[in-house]
Amino acid sequence: MTTLWMIEDNQAFAESFSEYLGNYGFMVEVFSEIDEFLTRLATTEQPDIVILDRLIGSEDMLTRIQDIRLHFQGAVVILTGSTPEMTDRVVGLELGTDDFLFKTTPPREIVAHLRAVMRRVAPAAAHHGPMPDAPARAVGKWQLDSKVFDVISTDGDRLGLTAMQFRLLALLADHTGEIVSRDDLQQLVNGRLADPLSRNLDVLISQLRHKLQKLDDPNCQVRAIRGSGYVFSGFPA
């Protein structure tokens, strides 16, 4: 059964939606406060997926995504009752969410989105990239560690990748110096039914480039090859 933690301060909605999700194999636990949620997240076994209401009280949950990502690399979905601008959805993706949904969306469609996110992000379900029990792979002073879904240096420094950012980098690193087609990367990011209009891949590439700047090596980059895909130049020696 898929464990799902939901941060929602509308008790009536939380109860009815939790019951609905339970019919589709989700075991739901509801939190009404972000701080309580973060405490549990840091001290107990983690869920498979997290759903955040956009607003908890007067606080915008987009401002707390980075706090969540300090402890949790699994799937994070925003479920909002408002009608945000497209820029809100892009900002959400850039901050590290995996999907941005509306409460007015038919519940069965929300379930389909949650399952699609799980296929993309959940380590046990994804067939691209390293699996959780795969050994860490050293690249110079850096290693891609699939147990923590991050890139770690011999000094203990980390890039702070999300699970999907890690999978994207791992696929590119497996083909260092070679072009990986946009279609292959889209399939990894968007699931088996890749959406050619989705910006998820572009957002993830942008996030990855930003985090690679921590390596302080201008030669370590992900380059776009027009009409073909992307190529990773490799980690610093």
C-alpha atoms as a PDB file:
ATOM      1  CA  MET A   1       0.000   0.000   0.000  1.00  0.00           C
ATOM      2  CA  THR A   2       1.260   3.497  -0.879  1.00  0.00           C
ATOM      3  CA  THR A   3       1.775   5.754   2.135  1.00  0.00           C
ATOM      4  CA  LEU A   4       0.720   9.360   1.584  1.00  0.00           C
ATOM      5  CA  TRP A   5       1.063  12.276   3.973  1.00  0.00           C
ATOM      6  CA  MET A   6      -1.197  15.253   3.342  1.00  0.00           C
ATOM      7  CA  ILE A   7      -0.828  18.752   4.785  1.00  0.00           C
ATOM      8  CA  GLU A   8      -4.328  20.207   4.769  1.00  0.00           C
ATOM      9  CA  ASP A   9      -6.063  22.536   7.233  1.00  0.00           C
ATOM     10  CA  ASN A  10      -9.567  22.035   5.808  1.00  0.00           C
ATOM     11  CA  GLN A  11     -10.647  19.110   7.978  1.00  0.00           C
ATOM     12  CA  ALA A  12     -13.781  18.287   5.999  1.00  0.00           C
ATOM     13  CA  PHE A  13     -11.867  18.120   2.704  1.00  0.00           C
ATOM     14  CA  ALA A  14      -9.027  16.149   4.314  1.00  0.00           C
ATOM     15  CA  GLU A  15     -11.409  13.508   5.678  1.00  0.00           C
ATOM     16  CA  SER A  16     -13.413  13.052   2.489  1.00  0.00           C
ATOM     17  CA  PHE A  17     -10.385  13.044   0.195  1.00  0.00           C
ATOM     18  CA  SER A  18      -8.455  10.662   2.466  1.00  0.00           C
ATOM     19  CA  GLU A  19     -11.373   8.249   2.367  1.00  0.00           C
ATOM     20  CA  TYR A  20     -11.492   8.497  -1.432  1.00  0.00           C
ATOM     21  CA  LEU A  21      -7.744   7.870  -1.767  1.00  0.00           C
ATOM     22  CA  GLY A  22      -8.062   4.886   0.544  1.00  0.00           C
ATOM     23  CA  ASN A  23     -10.269   3.221  -2.054  1.00  0.00           C
ATOM     24  CA  TYR A  24      -7.324   3.348  -4.474  1.00  0.00           C
ATOM     25  CA  GLY A  25      -4.681   1.858  -2.212  1.00  0.00           C
ATOM     26  CA  PHE A  26      -3.335   4.967  -0.474  1.00  0.00           C
ATOM     27  CA  MET A  27      -2.814   4.930   3.291  1.00  0.00           C
ATOM     28  CA  VAL A  28      -3.240   8.601   4.224  1.00  0.00           C
ATOM     29  CA  GLU A  29      -2.101  10.534   7.263  1.00  0.00           C
ATOM     30  CA  VAL A  30      -3.186  14.163   7.563  1.00  0.00           C
ATOM     31  CA  PHE A  31      -1.284  17.056   9.145  1.00  0.00           C
ATOM     32  CA  SER A  32      -2.802  20.486   9.712  1.00  0.00           C
ATOM     33  CA  GLU A  33       0.479  22.258  10.527  1.00  0.00           C
ATOM     34  CA  ILE A  34       3.705  22.341   8.538  1.00  0.00           C
ATOM     35  CA  ASP A  35       5.987  22.346  11.596  1.00  0.00           C
ATOM     36  CA  GLU A  36       4.379  19.184  12.989  1.00  0.00           C
ATOM     37  CA  PHE A  37       4.805  17.584   9.569  1.00  0.00           C
ATOM     38  CA  LEU A  38       8.498  18.536   9.345  1.00  0.00           C
ATOM     39  CA  THR A  39       9.173  17.143  12.820  1.00  0.00           C
ATOM     40  CA  ARG A  40       7.627  13.796  11.893  1.00  0.00           C
ATOM     41  CA  LEU A  41       9.404  13.778   8.555  1.00  0.00           C
ATOM     42  CA  ALA A  42      12.799  14.162  10.223  1.00  0.00           C
ATOM     43  CA  THR A  43      12.257  11.567  12.952  1.00  0.00           C
ATOM     44  CA  THR A  44      10.159   8.682  11.582  1.00  0.00           C
ATOM     45  CA  GLU A  45       9.869   6.415   8.562  1.00  0.00           C
ATOM     46  CA  GLN A  46       8.959   8.536   5.560  1.00  0.00           C
ATOM     47  CA  PRO A  47       5.956   8.303   3.246  1.00  0.00           C
ATOM     48  CA  ASP A  48       6.021   7.462  -0.451  1.00  0.00           C
ATOM     49  CA  ILE A  49       4.394  10.729  -1.478  1.00  0.00           C
ATOM     50  CA  VAL A  50       3.443  14.081   0.070  1.00  0.00           C
ATOM     51  CA  ILE A  51       0.494  16.317  -0.855  1.00  0.00           C
ATOM     52  CA  LEU A  52       0.586  19.968   0.204  1.00  0.00           C
ATOM     53  CA  ASP A  53      -2.274  22.410   0.179  1.00  0.00           C
ATOM     54  CA  ARG A  54      -0.989  25.626  -1.399  1.00  0.00           C
ATOM     55  CA  LEU A  55      -2.031  27.699   1.637  1.00  0.00           C
ATOM     56  CA  ILE A  56      -1.953  26.529   5.255  1.00  0.00           C
ATOM     57  CA  GLY A  57      -3.514  29.373   7.185  1.00  0.00           C
ATOM     58  CA  SER A  58      -1.932  32.426   5.616  1.00  0.00           C
ATOM     59  CA  GLU A  59       1.372  30.705   4.791  1.00  0.00           C
ATOM     60  CA  ASP A  60       2.253  29.839   1.205  1.00  0.00           C
ATOM     61  CA  MET A  61       3.618  26.295   1.173  1.00  0.00           C
ATOM     62  CA  LEU A  62       5.825  27.072  -1.805  1.00  0.00           C
ATOM     63  CA  THR A  63       8.042  28.945   0.662  1.00  0.00           C
ATOM     64  CA  ARG A  64       8.494  25.724   2.673  1.00  0.00           C
ATOM     65  CA  ILE A  65       9.434  23.357  -0.158  1.00  0.00           C
ATOM     66  CA  GLN A  66      13.151  23.760   0.542  1.00  0.00           C
ATOM     67  CA  ASP A  67      12.559  22.913   4.225  1.00  0.00           C
ATOM     68  CA  ILE A  68      10.775  19.728   3.147  1.00  0.00           C
ATOM     69  CA  ARG A  69      13.535  18.819   0.695  1.00  0.00           C
ATOM     70  CA  LEU A  70      16.121  18.928   3.482  1.00  0.00           C
ATOM     71  CA  HIS A  71      14.555  15.717   4.820  1.00  0.00           C
ATOM     72  CA  PHE A  72      12.538  14.208   1.979  1.00  0.00           C
ATOM     73  CA  GLN A  73      13.534  13.326  -1.583  1.00  0.00           C
ATOM     74  CA  GLY A  74      10.333  11.541  -2.589  1.00  0.00           C
ATOM     75  CA  ALA A  75       7.353  12.837  -4.535  1.00  0.00           C
ATOM     76  CA  VAL A  76       5.860  16.206  -3.508  1.00  0.00           C
ATOM     77  CA  VAL A  77       2.586  17.374  -5.059  1.00  0.00           C
ATOM     78  CA  ILE A  78       0.845  20.716  -4.565  1.00  0.00           C
ATOM     79  CA  LEU A  79      -2.954  20.440  -4.419  1.00  0.00           C
ATOM     80  CA  THR A  80      -4.475  23.900  -4.415  1.00  0.00           C
ATOM     81  CA  GLY A  81      -7.971  25.274  -4.116  1.00  0.00           C
ATOM     82  CA  SER A  82      -7.028  28.512  -5.840  1.00  0.00           C
ATOM     83  CA  THR A  83      -6.426  29.136  -9.538  1.00  0.00           C
ATOM     84  CA  PRO A  84      -2.759  30.116  -9.806  1.00  0.00           C
ATOM     85  CA  GLU A  85      -1.072  31.733 -12.761  1.00  0.00           C
ATOM     86  CA  MET A  86       1.119  29.574 -14.975  1.00  0.00           C
ATOM     87  CA  THR A  87       4.133  31.257 -13.369  1.00  0.00           C
ATOM     88  CA  ASP A  88       3.047  29.801  -9.994  1.00  0.00           C
ATOM     89  CA  ARG A  89       3.186  26.297 -11.429  1.00  0.00           C
ATOM     90  CA  VAL A  90       6.613  26.925 -12.960  1.00  0.00           C
ATOM     91  CA  VAL A  91       7.924  28.367  -9.679  1.00  0.00           C
ATOM     92  CA  GLY A  92       6.561  25.316  -7.852  1.00  0.00           C
ATOM     93  CA  LEU A  93       8.421  22.974 -10.189  1.00  0.00           C
ATOM     94  CA  GLU A  94      11.594  25.041  -9.931  1.00  0.00           C
ATOM     95  CA  LEU A  95      11.446  24.885  -6.135  1.00  0.00           C
ATOM     96  CA  GLY A  96      11.278  21.091  -6.183  1.00  0.00           C
ATOM     97  CA  THR A  97       7.647  19.977  -6.442  1.00  0.00           C
ATOM     98  CA  ASP A  98       6.797  17.129  -8.815  1.00  0.00           C
ATOM     99  CA  ASP A  99       3.284  18.183  -9.834  1.00  0.00           C
ATOM    100  CA  PHE A 100       0.809  21.038  -9.309  1.00  0.00           C
ATOM    101  CA  LEU A 101      -2.870  20.064  -9.182  1.00  0.00           C
ATOM    102  CA  PHE A 102      -6.225  21.702  -8.444  1.00  0.00           C
ATOM    103  CA  LYS A 103      -8.834  20.568  -5.938  1.00  0.00           C
ATOM    104  CA  THR A 104     -11.476  21.130  -8.606  1.00  0.00           C
ATOM    105  CA  THR A 105      -9.858  18.415 -10.752  1.00  0.00           C
ATOM    106  CA  PRO A 106     -11.968  15.222 -10.801  1.00  0.00           C
ATOM    107  CA  PRO A 107     -10.699  12.989  -7.963  1.00  0.00           C
ATOM    108  CA  ARG A 108     -10.065  10.044 -10.282  1.00  0.00           C
ATOM    109  CA  GLU A 109      -7.827  12.254 -12.414  1.00  0.00           C
ATOM    110  CA  ILE A 110      -5.911  13.341  -9.309  1.00  0.00           C
ATOM    111  CA  VAL A 111      -5.322   9.674  -8.485  1.00  0.00           C
ATOM    112  CA  ALA A 112      -3.971   9.141 -12.007  1.00  0.00           C
ATOM    113  CA  HIS A 113      -1.584  12.077 -11.545  1.00  0.00           C
ATOM    114  CA  LEU A 114      -0.395  10.731  -8.191  1.00  0.00           C
ATOM    115  CA  ARG A 115       0.313   7.329  -9.703  1.00  0.00           C
ATOM    116  CA  ALA A 116       2.150   8.943 -12.620  1.00  0.00           C
ATOM    117  CA  VAL A 117       4.292  10.937 -10.195  1.00  0.00           C
ATOM    118  CA  MET A 118       5.065   7.761  -8.273  1.00  0.00           C
ATOM    119  CA  ARG A 119       6.168   6.023 -11.480  1.00  0.00           C
ATOM    120  CA  ARG A 120       8.502   8.911 -12.232  1.00  0.00           C
ATOM    121  CA  VAL A 121       9.901   9.477  -8.784  1.00  0.00           C
ATOM    122  CA  ALA A 122       9.539   6.359  -6.618  1.00  0.00           C
ATOM    123  CA  PRO A 123      12.858   4.459  -6.641  1.00  0.00           C
ATOM    124  CA  ALA A 124      11.211   1.049  -6.736  1.00  0.00           C
ATOM    125  CA  ALA A 125       9.049   1.913  -9.727  1.00  0.00           C
ATOM    126  CA  ALA A 126      11.432   3.771 -12.008  1.00  0.00           C
ATOM    127  CA  HIS A 127      13.251   1.601 -14.528  1.00  0.00           C
ATOM    128  CA  HIS A 128      15.749   4.251 -15.628  1.00  0.00           C
ATOM    129  CA  GLY A 129      18.759   5.141 -13.538  1.00  0.00           C
ATOM    130  CA  PRO A 130      20.203   3.346 -10.504  1.00  0.00           C
ATOM    131  CA  MET A 131      18.047   1.419  -8.079  1.00  0.00           C
ATOM    132  CA  PRO A 132      18.192   1.937  -4.302  1.00  0.00           C
ATOM    133  CA  ASP A 133      20.482  -1.059  -3.748  1.00  0.00           C
ATOM    134  CA  ALA A 134      22.873  -0.112  -6.557  1.00  0.00           C
ATOM    135  CA  PRO A 135      26.420   0.660  -5.374  1.00  0.00           C
ATOM    136  CA  ALA A 136      27.649   4.237  -5.185  1.00  0.00           C
ATOM    137  CA  ARG A 137      29.621   5.171  -8.290  1.00  0.00           C
ATOM    138  CA  ALA A 138      32.748   7.270  -7.857  1.00  0.00           C
ATOM    139  CA  VAL A 139      33.538  10.022 -10.350  1.00  0.00           C
ATOM    140  CA  GLY A 140      36.791  11.666  -9.261  1.00  0.00           C
ATOM    141  CA  LYS A 141      36.218  13.099  -5.779  1.00  0.00           C
ATOM    142  CA  TRP A 142      32.455  12.845  -6.335  1.00  0.00           C
ATOM    143  CA  GLN A 143      30.150   9.841  -6.247  1.00  0.00           C
ATOM    144  CA  LEU A 144      26.553   9.348  -7.296  1.00  0.00           C
ATOM    145  CA  ASP A 145      25.040   7.661  -4.253  1.00  0.00           C
ATOM    146  CA  SER A 146      21.716   6.010  -5.072  1.00  0.00           C
ATOM    147  CA  LYS A 147      20.995   5.257  -1.407  1.00  0.00           C
ATOM    148  CA  VAL A 148      20.557   8.944  -0.620  1.00  0.00           C
ATOM    149  CA  PHE A 149      19.810  10.075  -4.189  1.00  0.00           C
ATOM    150  CA  ASP A 150      22.522  12.708  -4.195  1.00  0.00           C
ATOM    151  CA  VAL A 151      26.043  13.467  -5.375  1.00  0.00           C
ATOM    152  CA  ILE A 152      28.500  13.454  -2.465  1.00  0.00           C
ATOM    153  CA  SER A 153      32.159  14.478  -2.360  1.00  0.00           C
ATOM    154  CA  THR A 154      34.940  12.754  -0.421  1.00  0.00           C
ATOM    155  CA  ASP A 155      34.794  15.769   1.917  1.00  0.00           C
ATOM    156  CA  GLY A 156      31.133  15.130   2.664  1.00  0.00           C
ATOM    157  CA  ASP A 157      29.741  17.970   0.556  1.00  0.00           C
ATOM    158  CA  ARG A 158      26.408  17.332  -1.192  1.00  0.00           C
ATOM    159  CA  LEU A 159      24.668  18.870  -4.182  1.00  0.00           C
ATOM    160  CA  GLY A 160      21.257  18.611  -2.508  1.00  0.00           C
ATOM    161  CA  LEU A 161      19.465  16.949  -5.431  1.00  0.00           C
ATOM    162  CA  THR A 162      15.873  15.777  -5.427  1.00  0.00           C
ATOM    163  CA  ALA A 163      15.250  12.146  -6.421  1.00  0.00           C
ATOM    164  CA  MET A 164      14.222  13.103  -9.946  1.00  0.00           C
ATOM    165  CA  GLN A 165      17.150  15.514 -10.386  1.00  0.00           C
ATOM    166  CA  PHE A 166      19.426  12.676  -9.298  1.00  0.00           C
ATOM    167  CA  ARG A 167      17.902  10.228 -11.787  1.00  0.00           C
ATOM    168  CA  LEU A 168      18.250  12.775 -14.578  1.00  0.00           C
ATOM    169  CA  LEU A 169      21.905  13.412 -13.731  1.00  0.00           C
ATOM    170  CA  ALA A 170      22.606   9.690 -13.346  1.00  0.00           C
ATOM    171  CA  LEU A 171      21.242   8.984 -16.816  1.00  0.00           C
ATOM    172  CA  LEU A 172      23.305  11.804 -18.323  1.00  0.00           C
ATOM    173  CA  ALA A 173      26.414  10.758 -16.362  1.00  0.00           C
ATOM    174  CA  ASP A 174      26.059   7.183 -17.614  1.00  0.00           C
ATOM    175  CA  HIS A 175      26.548   8.686 -21.092  1.00  0.00           C
ATOM    176  CA  THR A 176      29.109  11.367 -20.239  1.00  0.00           C
ATOM    177  CA  GLY A 177      30.242  13.126 -23.406  1.00  0.00           C
ATOM    178  CA  GLU A 178      27.425  11.559 -25.422  1.00  0.00           C
ATOM    179  CA  ILE A 179      24.123  13.068 -26.511  1.00  0.00           C
ATOM    180  CA  VAL A 180      21.091  11.722 -24.657  1.00  0.00           C
ATOM    181  CA  SER A 181      17.984  12.343 -26.720  1.00  0.00           C
ATOM    182  CA  ARG A 182      15.274  14.636 -25.473  1.00  0.00           C
ATOM    183  CA  ASP A 183      12.758  11.825 -25.992  1.00  0.00           C
ATOM    184  CA  ASP A 184      14.666   9.521 -23.611  1.00  0.00           C
ATOM    185  CA  LEU A 185      14.907  12.257 -21.006  1.00  0.00           C
ATOM    186  CA  GLN A 186      11.227  13.156 -21.424  1.00  0.00           C
ATOM    187  CA  GLN A 187      10.310   9.526 -20.872  1.00  0.00           C
ATOM    188  CA  LEU A 188      12.312   9.469 -17.640  1.00  0.00           C
ATOM    189  CA  VAL A 189      10.766  12.709 -16.373  1.00  0.00           C
ATOM    190  CA  ASN A 190       7.171  12.410 -17.584  1.00  0.00           C
ATOM    191  CA  GLY A 191       6.650   8.659 -17.511  1.00  0.00           C
ATOM    192  CA  ARG A 192       5.930   6.266 -20.335  1.00  0.00           C
ATOM    193  CA  LEU A 193       3.497   8.658 -22.005  1.00  0.00           C
ATOM    194  CA  ALA A 194       5.779  11.646 -22.559  1.00  0.00           C
ATOM    195  CA  ASP A 195       3.971  14.947 -23.059  1.00  0.00           C
ATOM    196  CA  PRO A 196       5.771  16.954 -25.773  1.00  0.00           C
ATOM    197  CA  LEU A 197       4.245  20.173 -24.378  1.00  0.00           C
ATOM    198  CA  SER A 198       5.387  19.558 -20.805  1.00  0.00           C
ATOM    199  CA  ARG A 199       8.031  21.902 -19.401  1.00  0.00           C
ATOM    200  CA  ASN A 200       9.025  19.481 -16.637  1.00  0.00           C
ATOM    201  CA  LEU A 201      12.235  18.458 -18.391  1.00  0.00           C
ATOM    202  CA  ASP A 202      13.275  22.064 -19.066  1.00  0.00           C
ATOM    203  CA  VAL A 203      12.642  22.977 -15.433  1.00  0.00           C
ATOM    204  CA  LEU A 204      14.665  19.998 -14.169  1.00  0.00           C
ATOM    205  CA  ILE A 205      17.568  20.772 -16.508  1.00  0.00           C
ATOM    206  CA  SER A 206      17.559  24.359 -15.225  1.00  0.00           C
ATOM    207  CA  GLN A 207      17.554  23.134 -11.609  1.00  0.00           C
ATOM    208  CA  LEU A 208      20.362  20.692 -12.333  1.00  0.00           C
ATOM    209  CA  ARG A 209      22.530  23.339 -13.982  1.00  0.00           C
ATOM    210  CA  HIS A 210      22.056  25.596 -10.973  1.00  0.00           C
ATOM    211  CA  LYS A 211      23.093  22.886  -8.519  1.00  0.00           C
ATOM    212  CA  LEU A 212      26.102  21.855 -10.600  1.00  0.00           C
ATOM    213  CA  GLN A 213      27.416  25.385 -10.091  1.00  0.00           C
ATOM    214  CA  LYS A 214      28.278  24.274  -6.538  1.00  0.00           C
ATOM    215  CA  LEU A 215      31.114  22.257  -8.071  1.00  0.00           C
ATOM    216  CA  ASP A 216      32.755  25.558  -9.060  1.00  0.00           C
ATOM    217  CA  ASP A 217      33.969  24.169 -12.376  1.00  0.00           C
ATOM    218  CA  PRO A 218      32.818  25.971 -15.542  1.00  0.00           C
ATOM    219  CA  ASN A 219      33.589  22.857 -17.590  1.00  0.00           C
ATOM    220  CA  CYS A 220      31.093  20.746 -15.639  1.00  0.00           C
ATOM    221  CA  GLN A 221      27.793  21.459 -17.340  1.00  0.00           C
ATOM    222  CA  VAL A 222      24.754  20.095 -19.120  1.00  0.00           C
ATOM    223  CA  ARG A 223      24.682  21.457 -22.677  1.00  0.00           C
ATOM    224  CA  ALA A 224      21.720  21.511 -25.008  1.00  0.00           C
ATOM    225  CA  ILE A 225      22.376  20.138 -28.487  1.00  0.00           C
ATOM    226  CA  ARG A 226      19.885  21.807 -30.781  1.00  0.00           C
ATOM    227  CA  GLY A 227      17.418  19.364 -32.279  1.00  0.00           C
ATOM    228  CA  SER A 228      19.014  16.367 -30.544  1.00  0.00           C
ATOM    229  CA  GLY A 229      19.066  16.424 -26.748  1.00  0.00           C
ATOM    230  CA  TYR A 230      21.541  17.094 -23.956  1.00  0.00           C
ATOM    231  CA  VAL A 231      25.112  16.117 -23.169  1.00  0.00           C
ATOM    232  CA  PHE A 232      26.832  16.090 -19.769  1.00  0.00           C
ATOM    233  CA  SER A 233      30.485  17.107 -19.870  1.00  0.00           C
ATOM    234  CA  GLY A 234      31.457  15.168 -16.763  1.00  0.00           C
ATOM    235  CA  PHE A 235      32.465  15.851 -13.165  1.00  0.00           C
ATOM    236  CA  PRO A 236      35.681  17.629 -12.173  1.00  0.00           C
ATOM    237  CA  ALA A 237      38.649  15.269 -11.950  1.00  0.00           C
END
